[in-house]
Protein backbone atom coordinates (compact mmCIF):
# COMPACT_ATOMS: atom_id res chain seq x y z
CA UNK A 1 -22.43 -30.22 -60.75
CA UNK A 2 -19.59 -32.17 -59.89
CA UNK A 3 -15.81 -30.64 -61.21
CA UNK A 4 -12.51 -32.35 -62.10
CA UNK A 5 -10.88 -32.73 -59.38
CA UNK A 6 -8.01 -30.44 -59.08
CA UNK A 7 -4.25 -31.48 -57.68
CA UNK A 8 -4.07 -32.42 -54.28
CA UNK A 9 -2.57 -31.79 -51.04
CA UNK A 10 0.57 -33.49 -50.30
CA UNK A 11 0.48 -35.08 -46.86
CA UNK A 12 2.22 -32.72 -44.55
CA UNK A 13 1.11 -29.54 -46.70
CA UNK A 14 -2.48 -28.43 -46.04
CA UNK A 15 -3.83 -25.21 -47.29
CA UNK A 16 -2.98 -22.05 -45.58
CA UNK A 17 -6.31 -21.48 -44.98
CA UNK A 18 -7.32 -25.38 -43.17
CA UNK A 19 -5.34 -25.66 -39.96
CA UNK A 20 -6.72 -22.50 -38.37
CA UNK A 21 -10.50 -23.34 -39.28
CA UNK A 22 -9.19 -27.26 -38.24
CA UNK A 23 -8.23 -25.60 -34.29
CA UNK A 24 -11.96 -22.92 -34.96
CA UNK A 25 -13.61 -25.89 -35.34
CA UNK A 26 -11.71 -28.15 -32.93
CA UNK A 27 -13.03 -25.70 -29.50
CA UNK A 28 -16.60 -25.17 -31.09
CA UNK A 29 -16.93 -29.14 -30.87
CA UNK A 30 -15.13 -29.78 -27.92
CA UNK A 31 -17.90 -27.54 -26.29
CA UNK A 32 -20.68 -28.64 -28.40
CA UNK A 33 -19.83 -32.40 -27.17
CA UNK A 34 -19.27 -31.36 -23.78
CA UNK A 35 -23.10 -30.50 -24.33
CA UNK A 36 -23.62 -33.70 -25.46
CA UNK A 37 -21.96 -35.33 -23.13
CA UNK A 38 -21.61 -34.48 -19.31
CA UNK A 39 -25.96 -34.69 -18.92
CA UNK A 40 -24.89 -38.71 -19.49
CA UNK A 41 -21.84 -39.01 -16.39
CA UNK A 42 -23.91 -37.13 -14.38
CA UNK A 43 -27.16 -38.26 -15.26
CA UNK A 44 -28.02 -39.66 -11.42
CA UNK A 45 -27.73 -35.67 -10.51
CA UNK A 46 -29.72 -33.96 -13.09
CA UNK A 47 -32.63 -36.59 -13.08
CA UNK A 48 -33.22 -35.97 -9.18
CA UNK A 49 -33.06 -32.36 -9.91
CA UNK A 50 -35.61 -32.67 -12.34
CA UNK A 51 -37.82 -34.83 -10.53
CA UNK A 52 -37.89 -37.88 -13.21
CA UNK A 53 -36.36 -41.71 -12.79
CA UNK A 54 -32.92 -42.27 -14.96
CA UNK A 55 -34.89 -44.66 -17.00
CA UNK A 56 -36.91 -40.88 -17.99
CA UNK A 57 -34.15 -38.53 -18.47
CA UNK A 58 -32.17 -41.42 -21.06
CA UNK A 59 -35.89 -40.57 -23.10
CA UNK A 60 -35.27 -37.06 -23.17
CA UNK A 61 -31.82 -37.08 -23.78
CA UNK A 62 -32.70 -39.14 -26.69
CA UNK A 63 -35.04 -37.47 -27.77
CA UNK A 64 -32.67 -34.93 -28.19
CA UNK A 65 -30.74 -37.31 -30.46
CA UNK A 66 -34.02 -37.04 -32.95
CA UNK A 67 -32.64 -33.20 -33.54
CA UNK A 68 -30.31 -34.58 -35.31
CA UNK A 69 -33.30 -34.96 -38.18
CA UNK A 70 -33.16 -31.12 -39.48
CA UNK A 71 -29.61 -32.48 -40.99
CA UNK A 72 -30.63 -32.99 -44.56
CA UNK A 73 -31.72 -28.88 -44.55
CA UNK A 74 -28.72 -28.04 -42.78
CA UNK A 75 -27.12 -30.49 -45.50
CA UNK A 76 -28.83 -28.16 -48.31
CA UNK A 77 -27.76 -24.48 -47.29
CA UNK A 78 -24.04 -25.77 -46.88
CA UNK A 79 -24.14 -27.03 -50.01
CA UNK A 80 -25.43 -23.62 -51.01
CA UNK A 81 -22.25 -22.48 -49.42
CA UNK A 82 -23.37 -21.43 -46.45
CA UNK A 83 -21.22 -22.96 -44.00
CA UNK A 84 -19.61 -20.31 -41.81
CA UNK A 85 -23.73 -18.93 -41.25
CA UNK A 86 -24.81 -22.26 -40.11
CA UNK A 87 -21.41 -22.57 -37.58
CA UNK A 88 -22.40 -19.32 -36.26
CA UNK A 89 -26.45 -19.71 -35.90
CA UNK A 90 -26.00 -23.18 -34.74
CA UNK A 91 -23.45 -22.12 -31.78
CA UNK A 92 -25.31 -19.39 -31.27
CA UNK A 93 -29.07 -21.03 -30.59
CA UNK A 94 -27.18 -24.51 -29.39
CA UNK A 95 -25.28 -22.30 -26.47
CA UNK A 96 -28.69 -20.56 -25.64
CA UNK A 97 -30.29 -24.23 -25.28
CA UNK A 98 -27.62 -25.36 -23.39
CA UNK A 99 -28.06 -22.30 -20.48
CA UNK A 100 -31.81 -22.75 -20.78
CA UNK A 101 -31.60 -26.45 -19.71
CA UNK A 102 -30.53 -25.26 -15.99
CA UNK A 103 -34.55 -25.44 -15.61
CA UNK A 104 -36.91 -27.47 -13.65
CA UNK A 105 -39.92 -27.56 -16.04
CA UNK A 106 -39.50 -30.77 -17.75
CA UNK A 107 -41.65 -30.50 -20.49
CA UNK A 108 -39.68 -27.28 -21.36
CA UNK A 109 -36.26 -29.25 -20.93
CA UNK A 110 -37.60 -31.67 -23.46
CA UNK A 111 -37.55 -28.67 -25.85
CA UNK A 112 -34.82 -27.27 -24.89
CA UNK A 113 -32.66 -30.38 -25.67
CA UNK A 114 -34.19 -31.68 -28.94
CA UNK A 115 -33.75 -27.80 -29.64
CA UNK A 116 -29.64 -27.76 -28.37
CA UNK A 117 -29.66 -30.90 -30.03
CA UNK A 118 -30.79 -30.00 -33.59
CA UNK A 119 -28.31 -26.80 -33.52
CA UNK A 120 -25.45 -29.26 -32.38
CA UNK A 121 -26.06 -31.15 -34.92
CA UNK A 122 -25.67 -29.01 -38.20
CA UNK A 123 -22.52 -27.54 -36.46
CA UNK A 124 -21.18 -30.43 -36.86
CA UNK A 125 -22.08 -31.58 -40.37
CA UNK A 126 -21.32 -28.17 -41.88
CA UNK A 127 -17.42 -28.94 -40.45
CA UNK A 128 -17.21 -32.16 -41.65
CA UNK A 129 -18.68 -31.30 -45.25
CA UNK A 130 -15.98 -28.12 -45.05
CA UNK A 131 -13.04 -30.77 -44.50
CA UNK A 132 -14.21 -32.92 -46.96
CA UNK A 133 -14.36 -29.88 -49.63
CA UNK A 134 -10.50 -28.25 -48.09
CA UNK A 135 -8.81 -31.31 -47.58
CA UNK A 136 -7.46 -34.65 -49.24
CA UNK A 137 -8.88 -37.71 -48.53
CA UNK A 138 -5.50 -39.33 -48.64
CA UNK A 139 -4.51 -37.24 -45.94
CA UNK A 140 -7.41 -36.70 -43.65
CA UNK A 141 -7.52 -39.26 -41.06
CA UNK A 142 -4.42 -37.11 -40.39
CA UNK A 143 -6.42 -34.16 -39.68
CA UNK A 144 -9.88 -35.03 -38.75
CA UNK A 145 -8.76 -36.79 -35.47
CA UNK A 146 -8.11 -33.39 -34.21
CA UNK A 147 -11.45 -32.26 -34.27
CA UNK A 148 -12.98 -35.40 -33.04
CA UNK A 149 -10.37 -36.12 -30.40
CA UNK A 150 -12.05 -33.45 -28.74
CA UNK A 151 -15.13 -36.10 -28.25
CA UNK A 152 -12.54 -37.49 -25.86
CA UNK A 153 -11.40 -34.64 -24.72
CA UNK A 154 -14.51 -33.50 -23.70
CA UNK A 155 -14.54 -36.12 -20.70
CA UNK A 156 -11.01 -35.01 -20.39
CA UNK A 157 -11.58 -31.39 -19.73
CA UNK A 158 -14.85 -30.54 -19.27
CA UNK A 159 -16.45 -33.54 -17.38
CA UNK A 160 -14.23 -33.29 -14.83
CA UNK A 161 -14.79 -29.08 -14.84
CA UNK A 162 -17.99 -29.78 -14.61
CA UNK A 163 -17.79 -32.28 -11.50
CA UNK A 164 -16.53 -29.76 -9.51
CA UNK A 165 -18.93 -27.25 -10.63
CA UNK A 166 -21.99 -29.65 -9.70
CA UNK A 167 -20.53 -30.16 -5.96
CA UNK A 168 -20.39 -26.49 -5.41
CA UNK A 169 -22.95 -24.58 -7.26
CA UNK A 170 -25.77 -28.10 -7.60
CA UNK A 171 -26.52 -29.98 -11.15
CA UNK A 172 -26.86 -27.06 -12.93
CA UNK A 173 -23.52 -25.45 -13.08
CA UNK A 174 -22.91 -27.44 -15.92
CA UNK A 175 -25.23 -26.01 -18.51
CA UNK A 176 -25.04 -22.75 -17.24
CA UNK A 177 -21.63 -22.41 -18.21
CA UNK A 178 -21.07 -24.16 -20.65
CA UNK A 179 -23.63 -22.64 -23.19
CA UNK A 180 -21.53 -18.59 -23.45
CA UNK A 181 -18.63 -20.40 -23.90
CA UNK A 182 -19.81 -22.30 -26.99
CA UNK A 183 -21.71 -19.25 -28.41
CA UNK A 184 -18.41 -17.68 -28.46
CA UNK A 185 -16.54 -19.94 -30.28
CA UNK A 186 -19.32 -21.16 -33.07
CA UNK A 187 -19.09 -17.46 -33.67
CA UNK A 188 -15.40 -16.83 -33.84
CA UNK A 189 -15.18 -20.17 -35.52
CA UNK A 190 -17.43 -19.69 -38.34
CA UNK A 191 -16.23 -15.64 -38.58
CA UNK A 192 -13.32 -16.97 -39.56
CA UNK A 193 -14.62 -18.61 -42.53
CA UNK A 194 -13.66 -16.98 -45.47
CA UNK A 195 -15.91 -16.42 -48.25
CA UNK A 196 -16.29 -19.94 -50.46
CA UNK A 197 -13.38 -21.58 -48.70
CA UNK A 198 -15.67 -24.18 -48.73
CA UNK A 199 -15.60 -25.15 -52.35
CA UNK A 200 -11.78 -25.48 -52.80
CA UNK A 201 -10.55 -28.66 -53.49
CA UNK A 202 -11.29 -32.42 -53.80
CA UNK A 203 -14.85 -32.00 -55.87
CA UNK A 204 -14.25 -34.67 -57.82
CA UNK A 205 -15.95 -37.89 -58.64
CA UNK A 206 -14.34 -41.57 -57.22
CA UNK A 207 -12.18 -42.34 -54.17
CA UNK A 208 -9.14 -42.10 -52.95
CA UNK A 209 -7.61 -45.23 -51.08
CA UNK A 210 -10.90 -45.46 -49.03
CA UNK A 211 -10.63 -49.74 -48.56
CA UNK A 212 -6.90 -50.90 -50.49
CA UNK A 213 -4.66 -47.74 -49.89
CA UNK A 214 -2.24 -49.74 -51.84
CA UNK A 215 -3.08 -47.60 -54.97
CA UNK A 216 -1.19 -43.85 -55.65
CA UNK A 217 -2.74 -40.99 -53.22
CA UNK A 218 -2.99 -39.27 -56.71
CA UNK A 219 -5.03 -42.41 -58.35
CA UNK A 220 -8.80 -41.99 -58.32
CA UNK A 221 -11.25 -45.36 -59.02
CA UNK A 222 -14.67 -46.08 -58.24
CA UNK A 223 -15.28 -48.24 -55.21
CA UNK A 224 -17.61 -50.88 -54.64
CA UNK A 225 -21.20 -50.41 -55.46
CA UNK A 226 -21.71 -51.46 -51.27
CA UNK A 227 -19.66 -49.11 -49.15
CA UNK A 228 -22.67 -46.27 -48.67
CA UNK A 229 -25.07 -49.14 -47.86
CA UNK A 230 -22.53 -50.86 -45.60
CA UNK A 231 -21.14 -47.38 -43.81
CA UNK A 232 -24.89 -46.92 -43.15
CA UNK A 233 -25.54 -50.03 -41.58
CA UNK A 234 -22.00 -49.45 -39.47
CA UNK A 235 -23.37 -45.19 -38.79
CA UNK A 236 -26.01 -47.33 -37.16
CA UNK A 237 -24.43 -50.11 -35.32
CA UNK A 238 -21.22 -47.97 -33.94
CA UNK A 239 -23.46 -45.39 -32.17
CA UNK A 240 -25.95 -47.64 -30.86
CA UNK A 241 -23.19 -50.14 -29.01
CA UNK A 242 -21.80 -46.60 -27.58
CA UNK A 243 -24.77 -45.74 -26.60
CA UNK A 244 -26.01 -48.50 -24.87
CA UNK A 245 -22.70 -48.72 -22.71
CA UNK A 246 -22.63 -44.54 -22.30
CA UNK A 247 -26.14 -43.52 -21.21
CA UNK A 248 -26.08 -45.18 -18.34
CA UNK A 249 -23.01 -46.27 -17.13
CA UNK A 250 -23.00 -42.93 -15.13
CA UNK A 251 -25.71 -44.65 -13.41
CA UNK A 252 -23.67 -47.49 -13.34
CA UNK A 253 -21.29 -45.81 -11.49
CA UNK A 254 -22.76 -44.21 -8.89
CA UNK A 255 -25.78 -46.76 -7.80
CA UNK A 256 -24.22 -50.39 -8.32
CA UNK A 257 -20.33 -49.09 -7.98
CA UNK A 258 -21.39 -47.11 -5.03
CA UNK A 259 -18.38 -44.16 -6.88
CA UNK A 260 -19.69 -40.98 -5.62
CA UNK A 261 -19.55 -37.76 -7.64
CA UNK A 262 -15.56 -36.90 -7.43
CA UNK A 263 -15.36 -40.10 -8.31
CA UNK A 264 -17.53 -40.88 -11.30
CA UNK A 265 -15.46 -37.45 -12.72
CA UNK A 266 -12.25 -39.07 -12.30
CA UNK A 267 -13.29 -42.64 -14.24
CA UNK A 268 -14.86 -40.15 -16.74
CA UNK A 269 -11.27 -38.90 -17.05
CA UNK A 270 -9.66 -42.61 -17.93
CA UNK A 271 -12.66 -43.03 -20.43
CA UNK A 272 -12.06 -39.18 -21.69
CA UNK A 273 -8.10 -40.69 -21.98
CA UNK A 274 -8.65 -44.04 -23.81
CA UNK A 275 -11.40 -42.14 -25.88
CA UNK A 276 -8.34 -39.37 -27.13
CA UNK A 277 -6.00 -42.91 -27.38
CA UNK A 278 -8.55 -44.53 -30.03
CA UNK A 279 -8.33 -41.22 -32.35
CA UNK A 280 -4.90 -40.55 -31.60
CA UNK A 281 -3.91 -44.02 -33.09
CA UNK A 282 -6.15 -43.05 -36.87
CA UNK A 283 -2.81 -40.58 -37.43
CA UNK A 284 -0.40 -43.90 -38.41
CA UNK A 285 -3.55 -46.49 -39.12
CA UNK A 286 -5.74 -45.27 -40.90
CA UNK A 287 -4.14 -43.61 -44.18
CA UNK A 288 -1.78 -46.32 -44.57
CA UNK A 289 -4.30 -49.02 -44.21
CA UNK A 290 -7.77 -47.36 -45.16
CA UNK A 291 -10.24 -46.90 -43.38
CA UNK A 292 -12.88 -49.86 -43.91
CA UNK A 293 -10.51 -52.26 -42.87
CA UNK A 294 -9.23 -50.01 -40.14
CA UNK A 295 -13.10 -49.72 -38.80
CA UNK A 296 -13.29 -53.09 -38.71
CA UNK A 297 -10.44 -53.90 -36.71
CA UNK A 298 -12.06 -51.12 -34.09
CA UNK A 299 -15.22 -52.99 -33.75
CA UNK A 300 -13.99 -56.14 -33.86
CA UNK A 301 -11.70 -55.08 -30.84
CA UNK A 302 -14.19 -53.90 -28.83
CA UNK A 303 -16.40 -56.94 -28.28
CA UNK A 304 -13.85 -59.04 -25.32
CA UNK A 305 -13.06 -56.70 -23.20
CA UNK A 306 -17.20 -55.75 -23.62
CA UNK A 307 -18.41 -59.07 -22.98
CA UNK A 308 -15.53 -59.24 -19.76
CA UNK A 309 -17.67 -56.80 -17.97
CA UNK A 310 -20.05 -59.25 -17.47
CA UNK A 311 -18.03 -61.32 -15.37
CA UNK A 312 -16.35 -58.64 -12.90
CA UNK A 313 -19.47 -58.06 -10.98
CA UNK A 314 -18.56 -55.41 -8.62
CA UNK A 315 -15.00 -54.62 -8.86
CA UNK A 316 -14.85 -51.00 -10.00
CA UNK A 317 -10.96 -51.22 -10.95
CA UNK A 318 -11.56 -53.74 -13.44
CA UNK A 319 -14.72 -52.72 -14.95
CA UNK A 320 -13.48 -49.28 -15.90
CA UNK A 321 -10.09 -51.07 -17.09
CA UNK A 322 -11.87 -53.30 -19.45
CA UNK A 323 -14.10 -50.14 -20.21
CA UNK A 324 -11.14 -48.53 -20.97
CA UNK A 325 -9.56 -50.51 -23.72
CA UNK A 326 -13.18 -51.32 -25.09
CA UNK A 327 -13.50 -47.24 -25.19
CA UNK A 328 -10.02 -47.07 -26.82
CA UNK A 329 -11.17 -49.98 -29.91
CA UNK A 330 -14.32 -48.34 -31.10
CA UNK A 331 -13.37 -44.85 -30.86
CA UNK A 332 -10.53 -45.67 -33.10
CA UNK A 333 -13.17 -47.53 -35.02
CA UNK A 334 -15.32 -44.55 -35.95
CA UNK A 335 -12.20 -41.90 -36.36
CA UNK A 336 -11.09 -44.21 -39.03
CA UNK A 337 -14.42 -44.08 -40.79
CA UNK A 338 -15.35 -41.30 -40.72
CA UNK A 339 -13.71 -39.93 -43.08
CA UNK A 340 -15.50 -41.56 -45.13
CA UNK A 341 -18.74 -39.61 -44.97
CA UNK A 342 -18.22 -37.18 -46.90
CA UNK A 343 -17.31 -39.04 -50.13
CA UNK A 344 -20.48 -40.99 -50.34
CA UNK A 345 -20.96 -37.86 -52.73
CA UNK A 346 -18.32 -35.58 -53.55
CA UNK A 347 -20.44 -34.13 -55.33
CA UNK A 348 -23.34 -33.34 -52.89
CA UNK A 349 -20.95 -33.33 -49.45
CA UNK A 350 -23.30 -31.74 -47.18
CA UNK A 351 -25.72 -34.02 -48.54
CA UNK A 352 -23.35 -37.08 -48.17
CA UNK A 353 -22.33 -35.92 -44.26
CA UNK A 354 -25.87 -35.08 -43.43
CA UNK A 355 -27.48 -38.98 -44.85
CA UNK A 356 -25.02 -39.86 -42.41
CA UNK A 357 -26.17 -37.95 -38.90
CA UNK A 358 -29.54 -38.38 -39.97
CA UNK A 359 -28.45 -42.87 -39.17
CA UNK A 360 -26.38 -41.90 -36.42
CA UNK A 361 -28.88 -39.14 -34.56
CA UNK A 362 -32.06 -41.54 -34.95
CA UNK A 363 -30.02 -44.98 -33.52
CA UNK A 364 -28.82 -42.85 -30.67
CA UNK A 365 -32.08 -41.83 -29.58
CA UNK A 366 -32.91 -44.77 -30.13
CA UNK A 367 -29.59 -46.64 -27.69
CA UNK A 368 -30.57 -43.95 -25.46
CA UNK A 369 -34.11 -45.09 -24.80
CA UNK A 370 -33.63 -48.85 -25.02
CA UNK A 371 -30.43 -48.31 -22.33
CA UNK A 372 -32.29 -46.99 -19.88
CA UNK A 373 -35.19 -49.77 -19.70
CA UNK A 374 -32.04 -53.05 -20.92
CA UNK A 375 -30.27 -51.41 -17.75
CA UNK A 376 -33.65 -51.45 -16.19
CA UNK A 377 -34.57 -55.06 -16.74
CA UNK A 378 -30.96 -56.86 -17.07
CA UNK A 379 -28.42 -54.17 -15.35
CA UNK A 380 -24.83 -53.39 -16.76
CA UNK A 381 -24.27 -56.99 -18.05
CA UNK A 382 -27.48 -56.81 -20.82
CA UNK A 383 -25.95 -53.76 -21.66
CA UNK A 384 -22.69 -54.27 -22.70
CA UNK A 385 -24.32 -57.88 -24.07
CA UNK A 386 -26.50 -56.14 -26.49
CA UNK A 387 -23.60 -52.85 -27.08
CA UNK A 388 -21.78 -56.30 -27.85
CA UNK A 389 -23.69 -57.01 -30.38
CA UNK A 390 -24.12 -53.90 -31.65
CA UNK A 391 -20.52 -54.05 -32.70
CA UNK A 392 -20.83 -56.99 -34.52
CA UNK A 393 -23.21 -55.62 -36.72
CA UNK A 394 -20.63 -53.27 -37.40
CA UNK A 395 -17.88 -55.68 -38.45
CA UNK A 396 -19.54 -57.57 -40.71
CA UNK A 397 -21.39 -55.17 -42.45
CA UNK A 398 -17.56 -53.79 -42.82
CA UNK A 399 -16.52 -57.14 -43.47
CA UNK A 400 -19.56 -56.93 -46.49
CA UNK A 401 -17.58 -54.39 -47.94
CA UNK A 402 -13.93 -54.98 -48.10
CA UNK A 403 -14.19 -58.02 -49.32
CA UNK A 404 -15.71 -57.11 -52.02
CA UNK A 405 -13.73 -54.27 -52.93
CA UNK A 406 -10.93 -56.97 -52.91
CA UNK A 407 -12.97 -58.96 -55.58
CA UNK A 408 -12.65 -55.63 -57.56
CA UNK A 409 -9.33 -54.77 -57.17
CA UNK A 410 -8.36 -58.64 -58.53
CA UNK A 411 -10.46 -58.81 -61.16
């Protein structure tokens, strides 16, 4: 049951236990994100190692996303106070699956990927629910970016290192190195959480400054009834747009732009920098202008550079520059809306986050499979047009919610 909301921590003074936990979360998330991301970057090398086509591997990696369907079960465990156990168990399983993925048995690879995907999303869910309980909504944008920046750092720090390892030891190297590190990080991070820490603060009904951040930061008010469906639609469209691009851009870099493995690593480094910039921007904008409004801006600004890619042909520098701009915008849009996820049901944050994650994982699975098909049929130009349509859908959903909230505020 929901309890009255206690006094919320100030913007600059989070409870003492929060920052150590956040940094532990960030390290674990970095390695988990690396497990998710590097196979797409080196999809050409891994597909050759497994003896399958690129389109087949995109389907396999899409099936991995379906592991996120365990999120409702994980959400119930989190809501019952088992956050630390979920993080530790998820890290051990995901890390072990990562190590086991260094196999040439395609059937085993599929099963391992699904199990690893389920475990990894369980870690993310538990962390997000914990942050929802322990970090006030009106300062959450300034805190969540630390964890979410690891999505970019997986590109910036992890992928270039894996490119070097693959050059030296072959396509299995990324799996063999990442897995043990993920196990250790998750165990250390999970065991640092004290009993009961995941039910400390901000459990009251209502939302603070989510859509229109002009009210007092301690004022609770009822948001638009459109908030939940709008966020759900956004959580389908934003991952779809990303997957249509990033599931195949590694092959596009290698086969169409003729980039070497080292050059692919460098291009990926630039895209990681773009995502980091997008995450950092939320520090200045999201808590000031509101999650929904900033989400609209980010997804809308991603559309022009995506469409511009269709006219640059095989100019690698121009194409990567446009992807750089797009990546800043789309990452900013996602991280801006992220603080809202646990607020869709403040009394059951694990459940709220799990529902969002199910939508995202199913969409990522569909997007990964669709990406290979669209790319094989129409090339990368078809991929970016499809991604632009998905971005427009996300903007429309958030705009529908934003306009209704302004109407309620004026009533």
